Amino acid sequence: MNSDKSAETSALAIMQQHLDALNALEEDGLAATLHFPHYRLVDVNLDFWPSKDRYLGDFRVRAGGNWARTAWHSITVQRASNNKVHLAVRINRFDAADNLIADFDSLWVITHKHGKWAAQFRSSFAAA
């Protein structure tokens, strides 16, 4: 069993791994930071990925053709237990010229199950 502080550390490490894999377009590395099935709520629509097969490709479509990289503007732990952490995340997306193309808030739920920490769910205020 992890302490709440250990859970927070694990969740933040997963977020960094997620960002690094996303920006490097490493499909397997990105998938390793997610539990599948994986869910995302945007507006009132629930997106669902049963496996890693379409996750990165779907992200590329959602982010748009100008997307070059993503950065966490901020991450704040909202609540933590020994196997679940809620994170409030402000996300910035940039184009190749490093111009900001998206800025939005998101709630991430990072869980420890099947022996690993990974993102289970997120609710995003990104443009649908």
Protein backbone atom coordinates (compact mmCIF):
# COMPACT_ATOMS: atom_id res chain seq x y z
CA MET A 1 0.00 0.00 0.00
CA ASN A 2 1.24 3.45 -0.86
CA SER A 3 0.88 6.45 1.37
CA ASP A 4 -1.08 9.39 -0.04
CA LYS A 5 2.23 11.24 -0.60
CA SER A 6 3.66 8.24 -2.44
CA ALA A 7 0.50 8.11 -4.55
CA GLU A 8 0.87 11.80 -5.41
CA THR A 9 4.50 11.25 -6.43
CA SER A 10 3.50 8.27 -8.58
CA ALA A 11 0.67 10.20 -10.24
CA LEU A 12 2.89 13.17 -11.05
CA ALA A 13 5.53 10.82 -12.48
CA ILE A 14 2.89 9.26 -14.76
CA MET A 15 1.86 12.72 -15.93
CA GLN A 16 5.48 13.54 -16.86
CA GLN A 17 5.86 10.20 -18.67
CA HIS A 18 2.58 10.88 -20.50
CA LEU A 19 3.74 14.31 -21.64
CA ASP A 20 7.16 13.05 -22.74
CA ALA A 21 5.64 10.17 -24.74
CA LEU A 22 2.95 12.39 -26.26
CA ASN A 23 5.44 15.00 -27.44
CA ALA A 24 7.73 12.29 -28.83
CA LEU A 25 4.71 10.59 -30.51
CA GLU A 26 5.71 7.32 -28.85
CA GLU A 27 2.56 5.21 -29.06
CA ASP A 28 3.71 2.44 -26.71
CA GLY A 29 5.13 4.89 -24.16
CA LEU A 30 1.90 6.88 -24.22
CA ALA A 31 -0.23 3.76 -23.88
CA ALA A 32 1.83 2.72 -20.85
CA THR A 33 0.56 5.83 -19.02
CA LEU A 34 -3.11 4.94 -19.57
CA HIS A 35 -5.42 2.24 -18.25
CA PHE A 36 -7.59 0.71 -20.94
CA PRO A 37 -10.40 1.02 -21.39
CA HIS A 38 -9.72 4.77 -21.14
CA TYR A 39 -12.38 7.48 -20.94
CA ARG A 40 -12.48 11.21 -21.65
CA LEU A 41 -15.44 13.53 -21.05
CA VAL A 42 -15.55 16.66 -23.22
CA ASP A 43 -18.61 18.89 -22.99
CA VAL A 44 -21.30 16.20 -22.56
CA ASN A 45 -19.67 13.62 -24.83
CA LEU A 46 -17.85 10.59 -23.43
CA ASP A 47 -14.97 9.30 -25.57
CA PHE A 48 -13.89 5.72 -25.04
CA TRP A 49 -10.78 3.81 -26.10
CA PRO A 50 -10.98 0.06 -25.44
CA SER A 51 -7.27 -0.36 -26.30
CA LYS A 52 -4.24 1.66 -27.41
CA ASP A 53 -4.88 1.01 -31.11
CA ARG A 54 -6.47 4.37 -32.00
CA TYR A 55 -5.49 6.52 -29.04
CA LEU A 56 -2.52 8.43 -30.51
CA GLY A 57 -4.13 8.82 -33.92
CA ASP A 58 -7.32 10.13 -32.35
CA PHE A 59 -5.28 12.61 -30.31
CA ARG A 60 -3.56 13.92 -33.46
CA VAL A 61 -6.97 14.57 -35.03
CA ARG A 62 -8.30 16.28 -31.87
CA ALA A 63 -5.19 18.44 -31.44
CA GLY A 64 -5.33 19.64 -35.05
CA GLY A 65 -2.84 19.88 -37.86
CA ASN A 66 -0.98 22.81 -36.28
CA TRP A 67 -0.16 20.91 -33.07
CA ALA A 68 3.57 20.44 -32.40
CA ARG A 69 3.78 19.93 -28.63
CA THR A 70 1.87 20.03 -25.35
CA ALA A 71 2.93 21.42 -21.97
CA TRP A 72 1.43 21.29 -18.51
CA HIS A 73 0.88 24.92 -17.49
CA SER A 74 0.09 23.68 -13.99
CA ILE A 75 -0.81 20.51 -12.10
CA THR A 76 -2.45 20.63 -8.68
CA VAL A 77 -3.28 17.59 -6.58
CA GLN A 78 -6.92 17.91 -5.56
CA ARG A 79 -7.21 14.71 -3.51
CA ALA A 80 -5.20 11.54 -3.02
CA SER A 81 -5.70 8.14 -1.45
CA ASN A 82 -3.43 5.12 -1.52
CA ASN A 83 -4.71 4.04 -4.97
CA LYS A 84 -6.29 7.11 -6.61
CA VAL A 85 -5.24 10.70 -7.25
CA HIS A 86 -7.32 13.55 -8.69
CA LEU A 87 -5.28 16.18 -10.52
CA ALA A 88 -6.42 19.60 -11.77
CA VAL A 89 -4.35 20.22 -14.89
CA ARG A 90 -4.07 23.31 -17.07
CA ILE A 91 -2.94 22.22 -20.53
CA ASN A 92 -1.26 24.30 -23.21
CA ARG A 93 -0.80 23.20 -26.81
CA PHE A 94 1.66 24.87 -29.15
CA ASP A 95 2.36 24.94 -32.88
CA ALA A 96 5.79 24.52 -34.50
CA ALA A 97 6.52 28.25 -34.08
CA ASP A 98 5.80 27.85 -30.33
CA ASN A 99 2.60 29.88 -30.56
CA LEU A 100 -0.11 28.93 -28.08
CA ILE A 101 -2.96 27.23 -29.96
CA ALA A 102 -4.98 25.83 -27.04
CA ASP A 103 -5.28 26.54 -23.32
CA PHE A 104 -7.76 24.59 -21.21
CA ASP A 105 -8.41 22.93 -17.86
CA SER A 106 -8.78 19.23 -17.31
CA LEU A 107 -9.36 16.88 -14.38
CA TRP A 108 -7.28 13.69 -14.49
CA VAL A 109 -7.94 10.59 -12.39
CA ILE A 110 -4.78 8.54 -11.93
CA THR A 111 -5.31 5.10 -10.40
CA HIS A 112 -3.22 2.19 -9.23
CA LYS A 113 -4.65 -1.07 -10.52
CA HIS A 114 -3.33 -4.26 -12.04
CA GLY A 115 0.02 -3.40 -10.46
CA LYS A 116 0.58 -0.05 -12.18
CA TRP A 117 -0.19 3.64 -11.90
CA ALA A 118 -1.86 5.14 -14.98
CA ALA A 119 -4.56 7.57 -16.08
CA GLN A 120 -8.02 6.00 -15.90
CA PHE A 121 -10.23 8.94 -16.84
CA ARG A 122 -10.18 12.63 -17.58
CA SER A 123 -12.71 15.38 -17.98
CA SER A 124 -11.58 18.16 -20.25
CA PHE A 125 -12.68 21.67 -21.11
CA ALA A 126 -10.86 21.43 -24.45
CA ALA A 127 -12.77 22.47 -27.52
CA ALA A 128 -14.95 19.55 -28.56
